[in-house]
Structure formats: C-alpha cells, structure tokens
C-alpha cells in the first residue's frame, strides 16, 4: 500500500479457545525486535 493508505488485517482463531483470552497484534521489521502494536479482550473494555 502507498503511504497514507489503509489496510485491514484479520486473525481467525480456531481450536480450543476461551473467551477470557486477550488478543494482541505485534509486528517485526527487518533487523528489529518484535514490538507490541495493540491488544484487547473479547468482551469489551479499553
């Protein structure tokens, strides 16, 4: 995508799961450490 554009990433969860799990997104650029991006639970909150 060009700078200024948008994308939507999806993460499908299967297998044995729990609604109490927290879901997060991380990213890793070449030559860099993996870093935190965002996180939330399944039911609400901030």
ModelCIF file with pLDDT and N, C-alpha, C, O atoms, coordinates in Angstrom:
data_MODEL
#
_entry.id   MODEL 
#
_entity.id                         1 
_entity.type                       polymer 
_entity.pdbx_number_of_molecules   1 
#
_entity_poly.entity_id                      1 
_entity_poly.type                           'polypeptide(L)' 
_entity_poly.nstd_linkage                   no 
_entity_poly.nstd_monomer                   no 
_entity_poly.pdbx_seq_one_letter_code       
;(UNK)(UNK)(UNK)(UNK)(UNK)(UNK)(UNK)(UNK)(UNK)(UNK)(UNK)(UNK)(UNK)(UNK)(UNK)(UNK)
(UNK)(UNK)(UNK)(UNK)(UNK)(UNK)(UNK)(UNK)(UNK)(UNK)(UNK)(UNK)(UNK)(UNK)(UNK)(UNK)
(UNK)(UNK)(UNK)(UNK)(UNK)(UNK)(UNK)(UNK)(UNK)(UNK)(UNK)(UNK)(UNK)(UNK)
;
_entity_poly.pdbx_seq_one_letter_code_can   XXXXXXXXXXXXXXXXXXXXXXXXXXXXXXXXXXXXXXXXXXXXXX 
_entity_poly.pdbx_strand_id                 A 
#
loop_
_entity_poly_seq.entity_id 
_entity_poly_seq.num 
_entity_poly_seq.mon_id 
_entity_poly_seq.hetero 
1 1  UNK n 
1 2  UNK n 
1 3  UNK n 
1 4  UNK n 
1 5  UNK n 
1 6  UNK n 
1 7  UNK n 
1 8  UNK n 
1 9  UNK n 
1 10 UNK n 
1 11 UNK n 
1 12 UNK n 
1 13 UNK n 
1 14 UNK n 
1 15 UNK n 
1 16 UNK n 
1 17 UNK n 
1 18 UNK n 
1 19 UNK n 
1 20 UNK n 
1 21 UNK n 
1 22 UNK n 
1 23 UNK n 
1 24 UNK n 
1 25 UNK n 
1 26 UNK n 
1 27 UNK n 
1 28 UNK n 
1 29 UNK n 
1 30 UNK n 
1 31 UNK n 
1 32 UNK n 
1 33 UNK n 
1 34 UNK n 
1 35 UNK n 
1 36 UNK n 
1 37 UNK n 
1 38 UNK n 
1 39 UNK n 
1 40 UNK n 
1 41 UNK n 
1 42 UNK n 
1 43 UNK n 
1 44 UNK n 
1 45 UNK n 
1 46 UNK n 
#
_struct_asym.id          A 
_struct_asym.entity_id   1 
#
loop_
_ma_qa_metric.id 
_ma_qa_metric.mode 
_ma_qa_metric.name 
_ma_qa_metric.software_group_id 
_ma_qa_metric.type 
1 global pLDDT . pLDDT 
2 local  pLDDT . pLDDT 
#
_ma_qa_metric_global.metric_id      1 
_ma_qa_metric_global.metric_value   91.78 
_ma_qa_metric_global.model_id       1 
_ma_qa_metric_global.ordinal_id     1 
#
loop_
_ma_qa_metric_local.label_asym_id 
_ma_qa_metric_local.label_comp_id 
_ma_qa_metric_local.label_seq_id 
_ma_qa_metric_local.metric_id 
_ma_qa_metric_local.metric_value 
_ma_qa_metric_local.model_id 
_ma_qa_metric_local.ordinal_id 
A UNK 1  2 98.00 1 1  
A UNK 2  2 98.00 1 2  
A UNK 3  2 98.00 1 3  
A UNK 4  2 98.00 1 4  
A UNK 5  2 98.00 1 5  
A UNK 6  2 98.00 1 6  
A UNK 7  2 98.00 1 7  
A UNK 8  2 98.00 1 8  
A UNK 9  2 98.00 1 9  
A UNK 10 2 98.00 1 10 
A UNK 11 2 96.00 1 11 
A UNK 12 2 95.00 1 12 
A UNK 13 2 92.00 1 13 
A UNK 14 2 90.00 1 14 
A UNK 15 2 83.00 1 15 
A UNK 16 2 74.00 1 16 
A UNK 17 2 70.00 1 17 
A UNK 18 2 69.00 1 18 
A UNK 19 2 75.00 1 19 
A UNK 20 2 78.00 1 20 
A UNK 21 2 86.00 1 21 
A UNK 22 2 93.00 1 22 
A UNK 23 2 94.00 1 23 
A UNK 24 2 97.00 1 24 
A UNK 25 2 98.00 1 25 
A UNK 26 2 98.00 1 26 
A UNK 27 2 98.00 1 27 
A UNK 28 2 98.00 1 28 
A UNK 29 2 97.00 1 29 
A UNK 30 2 92.00 1 30 
A UNK 31 2 94.00 1 31 
A UNK 32 2 96.00 1 32 
A UNK 33 2 96.00 1 33 
A UNK 34 2 97.00 1 34 
A UNK 35 2 98.00 1 35 
A UNK 36 2 98.00 1 36 
A UNK 37 2 98.00 1 37 
A UNK 38 2 98.00 1 38 
A UNK 39 2 97.00 1 39 
A UNK 40 2 94.00 1 40 
A UNK 41 2 89.00 1 41 
A UNK 42 2 82.00 1 42 
A UNK 43 2 81.00 1 43 
A UNK 44 2 78.00 1 44 
A UNK 45 2 82.00 1 45 
A UNK 46 2 91.00 1 46 
#
loop_
_atom_site.group_PDB 
_atom_site.id 
_atom_site.type_symbol 
_atom_site.label_atom_id 
_atom_site.label_alt_id 
_atom_site.label_comp_id 
_atom_site.label_asym_id 
_atom_site.label_entity_id 
_atom_site.label_seq_id 
_atom_site.pdbx_PDB_ins_code 
_atom_site.Cartn_x 
_atom_site.Cartn_y 
_atom_site.Cartn_z 
_atom_site.occupancy 
_atom_site.B_iso_or_equiv 
_atom_site.pdbx_formal_charge 
_atom_site.auth_seq_id 
_atom_site.auth_comp_id 
_atom_site.auth_asym_id 
_atom_site.auth_atom_id 
_atom_site.pdbx_PDB_model_num 
ATOM 1   N N  . UNK A 1 1  ? 0.846   -1.183  0.000  1.00 98.00 ? 1  UNK A N  1 
ATOM 2   C CA . UNK A 1 1  ? 0.000   0.000   0.000  1.00 98.00 ? 1  UNK A CA 1 
ATOM 3   C C  . UNK A 1 1  ? 0.887   1.240   0.000  1.00 98.00 ? 1  UNK A C  1 
ATOM 4   O O  . UNK A 1 1  ? 1.994   1.220   0.538  1.00 98.00 ? 1  UNK A O  1 
ATOM 5   N N  . UNK A 1 2  ? 0.396   2.312   -0.603 1.00 98.00 ? 2  UNK A N  1 
ATOM 6   C CA . UNK A 1 2  ? 1.131   3.570   -0.605 1.00 98.00 ? 2  UNK A CA 1 
ATOM 7   C C  . UNK A 1 2  ? 0.982   4.287   0.727  1.00 98.00 ? 2  UNK A C  1 
ATOM 8   O O  . UNK A 1 2  ? -0.003  4.098   1.440  1.00 98.00 ? 2  UNK A O  1 
ATOM 9   N N  . UNK A 1 3  ? 1.965   5.107   1.054  1.00 98.00 ? 3  UNK A N  1 
ATOM 10  C CA . UNK A 1 3  ? 1.889   5.907   2.265  1.00 98.00 ? 3  UNK A CA 1 
ATOM 11  C C  . UNK A 1 3  ? 0.604   6.718   2.293  1.00 98.00 ? 3  UNK A C  1 
ATOM 12  O O  . UNK A 1 3  ? 0.204   7.307   1.288  1.00 98.00 ? 3  UNK A O  1 
ATOM 13  N N  . UNK A 1 4  ? -0.033  6.741   3.452  1.00 98.00 ? 4  UNK A N  1 
ATOM 14  C CA . UNK A 1 4  ? -1.313  7.408   3.602  1.00 98.00 ? 4  UNK A CA 1 
ATOM 15  C C  . UNK A 1 4  ? -2.505  6.512   3.376  1.00 98.00 ? 4  UNK A C  1 
ATOM 16  O O  . UNK A 1 4  ? -3.637  6.913   3.650  1.00 98.00 ? 4  UNK A O  1 
ATOM 17  N N  . UNK A 1 5  ? -2.280  5.309   2.884  1.00 98.00 ? 5  UNK A N  1 
ATOM 18  C CA . UNK A 1 5  ? -3.352  4.376   2.606  1.00 98.00 ? 5  UNK A CA 1 
ATOM 19  C C  . UNK A 1 5  ? -3.770  3.578   3.817  1.00 98.00 ? 5  UNK A C  1 
ATOM 20  O O  . UNK A 1 5  ? -3.313  3.822   4.934  1.00 98.00 ? 5  UNK A O  1 
ATOM 21  N N  . UNK A 1 6  ? -4.659  2.605   3.576  1.00 98.00 ? 6  UNK A N  1 
ATOM 22  C CA . UNK A 1 6  ? -5.242  1.810   4.653  1.00 98.00 ? 6  UNK A CA 1 
ATOM 23  C C  . UNK A 1 6  ? -5.231  0.333   4.308  1.00 98.00 ? 6  UNK A C  1 
ATOM 24  O O  . UNK A 1 6  ? -5.266  -0.046  3.138  1.00 98.00 ? 6  UNK A O  1 
ATOM 25  N N  . UNK A 1 7  ? -5.182  -0.490  5.337  1.00 98.00 ? 7  UNK A N  1 
ATOM 26  C CA . UNK A 1 7  ? -5.319  -1.934  5.232  1.00 98.00 ? 7  UNK A CA 1 
ATOM 27  C C  . UNK A 1 7  ? -6.040  -2.450  6.458  1.00 98.00 ? 7  UNK A C  1 
ATOM 28  O O  . UNK A 1 7  ? -5.964  -1.845  7.527  1.00 98.00 ? 7  UNK A O  1 
ATOM 29  N N  . UNK A 1 8  ? -6.741  -3.569  6.312  1.00 98.00 ? 8  UNK A N  1 
ATOM 30  C CA . UNK A 1 8  ? -7.351  -4.242  7.446  1.00 98.00 ? 8  UNK A CA 1 
ATOM 31  C C  . UNK A 1 8  ? -6.832  -5.661  7.525  1.00 98.00 ? 8  UNK A C  1 
ATOM 32  O O  . UNK A 1 8  ? -7.011  -6.450  6.597  1.00 98.00 ? 8  UNK A O  1 
ATOM 33  N N  . UNK A 1 9  ? -6.189  -5.983  8.631  1.00 98.00 ? 9  UNK A N  1 
ATOM 34  C CA . UNK A 1 9  ? -5.699  -7.317  8.878  1.00 98.00 ? 9  UNK A CA 1 
ATOM 35  C C  . UNK A 1 9  ? -6.736  -8.114  9.658  1.00 98.00 ? 9  UNK A C  1 
ATOM 36  O O  . UNK A 1 9  ? -7.460  -7.565  10.488 1.00 98.00 ? 9  UNK A O  1 
ATOM 37  N N  . UNK A 1 10 ? -6.800  -9.419  9.382  1.00 98.00 ? 10 UNK A N  1 
ATOM 38  C CA . UNK A 1 10 ? -7.720  -10.311 10.068 1.00 98.00 ? 10 UNK A CA 1 
ATOM 39  C C  . UNK A 1 10 ? -6.949  -11.430 10.736 1.00 98.00 ? 10 UNK A C  1 
ATOM 40  O O  . UNK A 1 10 ? -5.913  -11.868 10.235 1.00 98.00 ? 10 UNK A O  1 
ATOM 41  N N  . UNK A 1 11 ? -7.454  -11.892 11.863 1.00 96.00 ? 11 UNK A N  1 
ATOM 42  C CA . UNK A 1 11 ? -6.886  -13.030 12.577 1.00 96.00 ? 11 UNK A CA 1 
ATOM 43  C C  . UNK A 1 11 ? -8.023  -13.949 12.975 1.00 96.00 ? 11 UNK A C  1 
ATOM 44  O O  . UNK A 1 11 ? -8.827  -13.608 13.842 1.00 96.00 ? 11 UNK A O  1 
ATOM 45  N N  . UNK A 1 12 ? -8.096  -15.118 12.345 1.00 95.00 ? 12 UNK A N  1 
ATOM 46  C CA . UNK A 1 12 ? -9.129  -16.100 12.638 1.00 95.00 ? 12 UNK A CA 1 
ATOM 47  C C  . UNK A 1 12 ? -8.593  -17.079 13.674 1.00 95.00 ? 12 UNK A C  1 
ATOM 48  O O  . UNK A 1 12 ? -7.509  -17.639 13.514 1.00 95.00 ? 12 UNK A O  1 
ATOM 49  N N  . UNK A 1 13 ? -9.361  -17.277 14.730 1.00 92.00 ? 13 UNK A N  1 
ATOM 50  C CA . UNK A 1 13 ? -8.963  -18.145 15.833 1.00 92.00 ? 13 UNK A CA 1 
ATOM 51  C C  . UNK A 1 13 ? -9.788  -19.418 15.784 1.00 92.00 ? 13 UNK A C  1 
ATOM 52  O O  . UNK A 1 13 ? -11.013 -19.358 15.676 1.00 92.00 ? 13 UNK A O  1 
ATOM 53  N N  . UNK A 1 14 ? -9.132  -20.572 15.863 1.00 90.00 ? 14 UNK A N  1 
ATOM 54  C CA . UNK A 1 14 ? -9.810  -21.856 15.865 1.00 90.00 ? 14 UNK A CA 1 
ATOM 55  C C  . UNK A 1 14 ? -9.177  -22.775 16.901 1.00 90.00 ? 14 UNK A C  1 
ATOM 56  O O  . UNK A 1 14 ? -8.218  -22.399 17.575 1.00 90.00 ? 14 UNK A O  1 
ATOM 57  N N  . UNK A 1 15 ? -9.723  -23.986 17.023 1.00 83.00 ? 15 UNK A N  1 
ATOM 58  C CA . UNK A 1 15 ? -9.256  -24.906 18.038 1.00 83.00 ? 15 UNK A CA 1 
ATOM 59  C C  . UNK A 1 15 ? -9.901  -24.603 19.379 1.00 83.00 ? 15 UNK A C  1 
ATOM 60  O O  . UNK A 1 15 ? -10.940 -23.947 19.454 1.00 83.00 ? 15 UNK A O  1 
ATOM 61  N N  . UNK A 1 16 ? -9.278  -25.082 20.415 1.00 74.00 ? 16 UNK A N  1 
ATOM 62  C CA . UNK A 1 16 ? -9.795  -24.844 21.759 1.00 74.00 ? 16 UNK A CA 1 
ATOM 63  C C  . UNK A 1 16 ? -9.434  -23.438 22.205 1.00 74.00 ? 16 UNK A C  1 
ATOM 64  O O  . UNK A 1 16 ? -8.264  -23.105 22.394 1.00 74.00 ? 16 UNK A O  1 
ATOM 65  N N  . UNK A 1 17 ? -10.456 -22.629 22.366 1.00 70.00 ? 17 UNK A N  1 
ATOM 66  C CA . UNK A 1 17 ? -10.256 -21.241 22.747 1.00 70.00 ? 17 UNK A CA 1 
ATOM 67  C C  . UNK A 1 17 ? -11.099 -20.891 23.959 1.00 70.00 ? 17 UNK A C  1 
ATOM 68  O O  . UNK A 1 17 ? -12.006 -21.629 24.344 1.00 70.00 ? 17 UNK A O  1 
ATOM 69  N N  . UNK A 1 18 ? -10.785 -19.770 24.540 1.00 69.00 ? 18 UNK A N  1 
ATOM 70  C CA . UNK A 1 18 ? -11.508 -19.265 25.693 1.00 69.00 ? 18 UNK A CA 1 
ATOM 71  C C  . UNK A 1 18 ? -11.830 -17.801 25.479 1.00 69.00 ? 18 UNK A C  1 
ATOM 72  O O  . UNK A 1 18 ? -11.010 -17.046 24.958 1.00 69.00 ? 18 UNK A O  1 
ATOM 73  N N  . UNK A 1 19 ? -13.027 -17.401 25.883 1.00 75.00 ? 19 UNK A N  1 
ATOM 74  C CA . UNK A 1 19 ? -13.414 -16.005 25.778 1.00 75.00 ? 19 UNK A CA 1 
ATOM 75  C C  . UNK A 1 19 ? -12.638 -15.117 26.737 1.00 75.00 ? 19 UNK A C  1 
ATOM 76  O O  . UNK A 1 19 ? -12.707 -13.892 26.640 1.00 75.00 ? 19 UNK A O  1 
ATOM 77  N N  . UNK A 1 20 ? -11.904 -15.717 27.657 1.00 78.00 ? 20 UNK A N  1 
ATOM 78  C CA . UNK A 1 20 ? -11.083 -14.944 28.580 1.00 78.00 ? 20 UNK A CA 1 
ATOM 79  C C  . UNK A 1 20 ? -9.720  -14.579 28.000 1.00 78.00 ? 20 UNK A C  1 
ATOM 80  O O  . UNK A 1 20 ? -8.985  -13.797 28.603 1.00 78.00 ? 20 UNK A O  1 
ATOM 81  N N  . UNK A 1 21 ? -9.375  -15.130 26.847 1.00 86.00 ? 21 UNK A N  1 
ATOM 82  C CA . UNK A 1 21 ? -8.097  -14.813 26.216 1.00 86.00 ? 21 UNK A CA 1 
ATOM 83  C C  . UNK A 1 21 ? -8.049  -13.352 25.800 1.00 86.00 ? 21 UNK A C  1 
ATOM 84  O O  . UNK A 1 21 ? -9.041  -12.796 25.329 1.00 86.00 ? 21 UNK A O  1 
ATOM 85  N N  . UNK A 1 22 ? -6.895  -12.743 25.976 1.00 93.00 ? 22 UNK A N  1 
ATOM 86  C CA . UNK A 1 22 ? -6.605  -11.431 25.428 1.00 93.00 ? 22 UNK A CA 1 
ATOM 87  C C  . UNK A 1 22 ? -5.969  -11.613 24.055 1.00 93.00 ? 22 UNK A C  1 
ATOM 88  O O  . UNK A 1 22 ? -5.084  -12.451 23.878 1.00 93.00 ? 22 UNK A O  1 
ATOM 89  N N  . UNK A 1 23 ? -6.423  -10.827 23.090 1.00 94.00 ? 23 UNK A N  1 
ATOM 90  C CA . UNK A 1 23 ? -5.882  -10.894 21.739 1.00 94.00 ? 23 UNK A CA 1 
ATOM 91  C C  . UNK A 1 23 ? -4.991  -9.692  21.482 1.00 94.00 ? 23 UNK A C  1 
ATOM 92  O O  . UNK A 1 23 ? -5.340  -8.562  21.824 1.00 94.00 ? 23 UNK A O  1 
ATOM 93  N N  . UNK A 1 24 ? -3.837  -9.944  20.878 1.00 97.00 ? 24 UNK A N  1 
ATOM 94  C CA . UNK A 1 24 ? -2.893  -8.879  20.610 1.00 97.00 ? 24 UNK A CA 1 
ATOM 95  C C  . UNK A 1 24 ? -2.350  -8.920  19.193 1.00 97.00 ? 24 UNK A C  1 
ATOM 96  O O  . UNK A 1 24 ? -2.404  -9.948  18.517 1.00 97.00 ? 24 UNK A O  1 
ATOM 97  N N  . UNK A 1 25 ? -1.829  -7.788  18.760 1.00 98.00 ? 25 UNK A N  1 
ATOM 98  C CA . UNK A 1 25 ? -1.112  -7.673  17.497 1.00 98.00 ? 25 UNK A CA 1 
ATOM 99  C C  . UNK A 1 25 ? 0.304   -7.187  17.776 1.00 98.00 ? 25 UNK A C  1 
ATOM 100 O O  . UNK A 1 25 ? 0.506   -6.244  18.540 1.00 98.00 ? 25 UNK A O  1 
ATOM 101 N N  . UNK A 1 26 ? 1.277   -7.836  17.154 1.00 98.00 ? 26 UNK A N  1 
ATOM 102 C CA . UNK A 1 26 ? 2.674   -7.448  17.213 1.00 98.00 ? 26 UNK A CA 1 
ATOM 103 C C  . UNK A 1 26 ? 3.202   -7.316  15.794 1.00 98.00 ? 26 UNK A C  1 
ATOM 104 O O  . UNK A 1 26 ? 2.578   -7.787  14.843 1.00 98.00 ? 26 UNK A O  1 
ATOM 105 N N  . UNK A 1 27 ? 4.354   -6.674  15.659 1.00 98.00 ? 27 UNK A N  1 
ATOM 106 C CA . UNK A 1 27 ? 4.974   -6.570  14.342 1.00 98.00 ? 27 UNK A CA 1 
ATOM 107 C C  . UNK A 1 27 ? 6.487   -6.626  14.474 1.00 98.00 ? 27 UNK A C  1 
ATOM 108 O O  . UNK A 1 27 ? 7.051   -6.299  15.519 1.00 98.00 ? 27 UNK A O  1 
ATOM 109 N N  . UNK A 1 28 ? 7.132   -7.048  13.390 1.00 98.00 ? 28 UNK A N  1 
ATOM 110 C CA . UNK A 1 28 ? 8.579   -7.145  13.377 1.00 98.00 ? 28 UNK A CA 1 
ATOM 111 C C  . UNK A 1 28 ? 9.100   -6.701  12.020 1.00 98.00 ? 28 UNK A C  1 
ATOM 112 O O  . UNK A 1 28 ? 8.794   -7.310  10.994 1.00 98.00 ? 28 UNK A O  1 
ATOM 113 N N  . UNK A 1 29 ? 9.887   -5.636  12.026 1.00 97.00 ? 29 UNK A N  1 
ATOM 114 C CA . UNK A 1 29 ? 10.533  -5.140  10.824 1.00 97.00 ? 29 UNK A CA 1 
ATOM 115 C C  . UNK A 1 29 ? 11.897  -5.807  10.669 1.00 97.00 ? 29 UNK A C  1 
ATOM 116 O O  . UNK A 1 29 ? 12.456  -6.287  11.655 1.00 97.00 ? 29 UNK A O  1 
ATOM 117 N N  . UNK A 1 30 ? 12.445  -5.848  9.454  1.00 92.00 ? 30 UNK A N  1 
ATOM 118 C CA . UNK A 1 30 ? 13.752  -6.470  9.249  1.00 92.00 ? 30 UNK A CA 1 
ATOM 119 C C  . UNK A 1 30 ? 14.824  -5.846  10.132 1.00 92.00 ? 30 UNK A C  1 
ATOM 120 O O  . UNK A 1 30 ? 14.963  -4.624  10.183 1.00 92.00 ? 30 UNK A O  1 
ATOM 121 N N  . UNK A 1 31 ? 15.577  -6.689  10.824 1.00 94.00 ? 31 UNK A N  1 
ATOM 122 C CA . UNK A 1 31 ? 16.651  -6.222  11.677 1.00 94.00 ? 31 UNK A CA 1 
ATOM 123 C C  . UNK A 1 31 ? 16.222  -5.620  12.994 1.00 94.00 ? 31 UNK A C  1 
ATOM 124 O O  . UNK A 1 31 ? 17.063  -5.117  13.738 1.00 94.00 ? 31 UNK A O  1 
ATOM 125 N N  . UNK A 1 32 ? 14.929  -5.655  13.309 1.00 96.00 ? 32 UNK A N  1 
ATOM 126 C CA . UNK A 1 32 ? 14.429  -5.077  14.543 1.00 96.00 ? 32 UNK A CA 1 
ATOM 127 C C  . UNK A 1 32 ? 13.750  -6.129  15.409 1.00 96.00 ? 32 UNK A C  1 
ATOM 128 O O  . UNK A 1 32 ? 13.378  -7.203  14.935 1.00 96.00 ? 32 UNK A O  1 
ATOM 129 N N  . UNK A 1 33 ? 13.597  -5.800  16.682 1.00 96.00 ? 33 UNK A N  1 
ATOM 130 C CA . UNK A 1 33 ? 12.903  -6.678  17.607 1.00 96.00 ? 33 UNK A CA 1 
ATOM 131 C C  . UNK A 1 33 ? 11.399  -6.625  17.359 1.00 96.00 ? 33 UNK A C  1 
ATOM 132 O O  . UNK A 1 33 ? 10.868  -5.625  16.875 1.00 96.00 ? 33 UNK A O  1 
ATOM 133 N N  . UNK A 1 34 ? 10.733  -7.707  17.696 1.00 97.00 ? 34 UNK A N  1 
ATOM 134 C CA . UNK A 1 34 ? 9.279   -7.729  17.627 1.00 97.00 ? 34 UNK A CA 1 
ATOM 135 C C  . UNK A 1 34 ? 8.717   -6.748  18.654 1.00 97.00 ? 34 UNK A C  1 
ATOM 136 O O  . UNK A 1 34 ? 9.165   -6.715  19.800 1.00 97.00 ? 34 UNK A O  1 
ATOM 137 N N  . UNK A 1 35 ? 7.740   -5.956  18.240 1.00 98.00 ? 35 UNK A N  1 
ATOM 138 C CA . UNK A 1 35 ? 7.200   -4.934  19.113 1.00 98.00 ? 35 UNK A CA 1 
ATOM 139 C C  . UNK A 1 35 ? 5.682   -5.013  19.203 1.00 98.00 ? 35 UNK A C  1 
ATOM 140 O O  . UNK A 1 35 ? 5.005   -5.470  18.282 1.00 98.00 ? 35 UNK A O  1 
ATOM 141 N N  . UNK A 1 36 ? 5.176   -4.560  20.327 1.00 98.00 ? 36 UNK A N  1 
ATOM 142 C CA . UNK A 1 36 ? 3.747   -4.541  20.581 1.00 98.00 ? 36 UNK A CA 1 
ATOM 143 C C  . UNK A 1 36 ? 3.057   -3.492  19.726 1.00 98.00 ? 36 UNK A C  1 
ATOM 144 O O  . UNK A 1 36 ? 3.601   -2.412  19.496 1.00 98.00 ? 36 UNK A O  1 
ATOM 145 N N  . UNK A 1 37 ? 1.844   -3.817  19.251 1.00 98.00 ? 37 UNK A N  1 
ATOM 146 C CA . UNK A 1 37 ? 1.047   -2.889  18.461 1.00 98.00 ? 37 UNK A CA 1 
ATOM 147 C C  . UNK A 1 37 ? -0.265  -2.551  19.163 1.00 98.00 ? 37 UNK A C  1 
ATOM 148 O O  . UNK A 1 37 ? -0.548  -1.380  19.417 1.00 98.00 ? 37 UNK A O  1 
ATOM 149 N N  . UNK A 1 38 ? -1.066  -3.569  19.477 1.00 98.00 ? 38 UNK A N  1 
ATOM 150 C CA . UNK A 1 38 ? -2.379  -3.343  20.069 1.00 98.00 ? 38 UNK A CA 1 
ATOM 151 C C  . UNK A 1 38 ? -2.867  -4.617  20.731 1.00 98.00 ? 38 UNK A C  1 
ATOM 152 O O  . UNK A 1 38 ? -2.393  -5.707  20.409 1.00 98.00 ? 38 UNK A O  1 
ATOM 153 N N  . UNK A 1 39 ? -3.821  -4.488  21.662 1.00 97.00 ? 39 UNK A N  1 
ATOM 154 C CA . UNK A 1 39 ? -4.409  -5.645  22.329 1.00 97.00 ? 39 UNK A CA 1 
ATOM 155 C C  . UNK A 1 39 ? -5.792  -5.303  22.859 1.00 97.00 ? 39 UNK A C  1 
ATOM 156 O O  . UNK A 1 39 ? -6.077  -4.153  23.191 1.00 97.00 ? 39 UNK A O  1 
ATOM 157 N N  . UNK A 1 40 ? -6.649  -6.319  22.934 1.00 94.00 ? 40 UNK A N  1 
ATOM 158 C CA . UNK A 1 40 ? -7.965  -6.182  23.539 1.00 94.00 ? 40 UNK A CA 1 
ATOM 159 C C  . UNK A 1 40 ? -8.506  -7.555  23.914 1.00 94.00 ? 40 UNK A C  1 
ATOM 160 O O  . UNK A 1 40 ? -7.992  -8.578  23.461 1.00 94.00 ? 40 UNK A O  1 
ATOM 161 N N  . UNK A 1 41 ? -9.547  -7.572  24.743 1.00 89.00 ? 41 UNK A N  1 
ATOM 162 C CA . UNK A 1 41 ? -10.202 -8.821  25.083 1.00 89.00 ? 41 UNK A CA 1 
ATOM 163 C C  . UNK A 1 41 ? -11.409 -9.033  24.184 1.00 89.00 ? 41 UNK A C  1 
ATOM 164 O O  . UNK A 1 41 ? -11.663 -8.233  23.283 1.00 89.00 ? 41 UNK A O  1 
ATOM 165 N N  . UNK A 1 42 ? -12.163 -10.121 24.427 1.00 82.00 ? 42 UNK A N  1 
ATOM 166 C CA . UNK A 1 42 ? -13.293 -10.473 23.568 1.00 82.00 ? 42 UNK A CA 1 
ATOM 167 C C  . UNK A 1 42 ? -14.593 -9.811  23.971 1.00 82.00 ? 42 UNK A C  1 
ATOM 168 O O  . UNK A 1 42 ? -15.538 -9.797  23.182 1.00 82.00 ? 42 UNK A O  1 
ATOM 169 N N  . UNK A 1 43 ? -14.672 -9.258  25.184 1.00 81.00 ? 43 UNK A N  1 
ATOM 170 C CA . UNK A 1 43 ? -15.968 -8.804  25.690 1.00 81.00 ? 43 UNK A CA 1 
ATOM 171 C C  . UNK A 1 43 ? -16.124 -7.298  25.782 1.00 81.00 ? 43 UNK A C  1 
ATOM 172 O O  . UNK A 1 43 ? -17.249 -6.806  25.869 1.00 81.00 ? 43 UNK A O  1 
ATOM 173 N N  . UNK A 1 44 ? -15.037 -6.558  25.766 1.00 78.00 ? 44 UNK A N  1 
ATOM 174 C CA . UNK A 1 44 ? -15.145 -5.113  25.860 1.00 78.00 ? 44 UNK A CA 1 
ATOM 175 C C  . UNK A 1 44 ? -14.012 -4.514  26.658 1.00 78.00 ? 44 UNK A C  1 
ATOM 176 O O  . UNK A 1 44 ? -12.942 -5.109  26.784 1.00 78.00 ? 44 UNK A O  1 
ATOM 177 N N  . UNK A 1 45 ? -14.251 -3.341  27.191 1.00 82.00 ? 45 UNK A N  1 
ATOM 178 C CA . UNK A 1 45 ? -13.219 -2.629  27.908 1.00 82.00 ? 45 UNK A CA 1 
ATOM 179 C C  . UNK A 1 45 ? -12.345 -1.819  26.959 1.00 82.00 ? 45 UNK A C  1 
ATOM 180 O O  . UNK A 1 45 ? -12.585 -1.771  25.752 1.00 82.00 ? 45 UNK A O  1 
ATOM 181 N N  . UNK A 1 46 ? -11.340 -1.194  27.523 1.00 91.00 ? 46 UNK A N  1 
ATOM 182 C CA . UNK A 1 46 ? -10.458 -0.317  26.750 1.00 91.00 ? 46 UNK A CA 1 
ATOM 183 C C  . UNK A 1 46 ? -9.306  -1.105  26.157 1.00 91.00 ? 46 UNK A C  1 
ATOM 184 O O  . UNK A 1 46 ? -8.456  -0.535  25.472 1.00 91.00 ? 46 UNK A O  1 
#
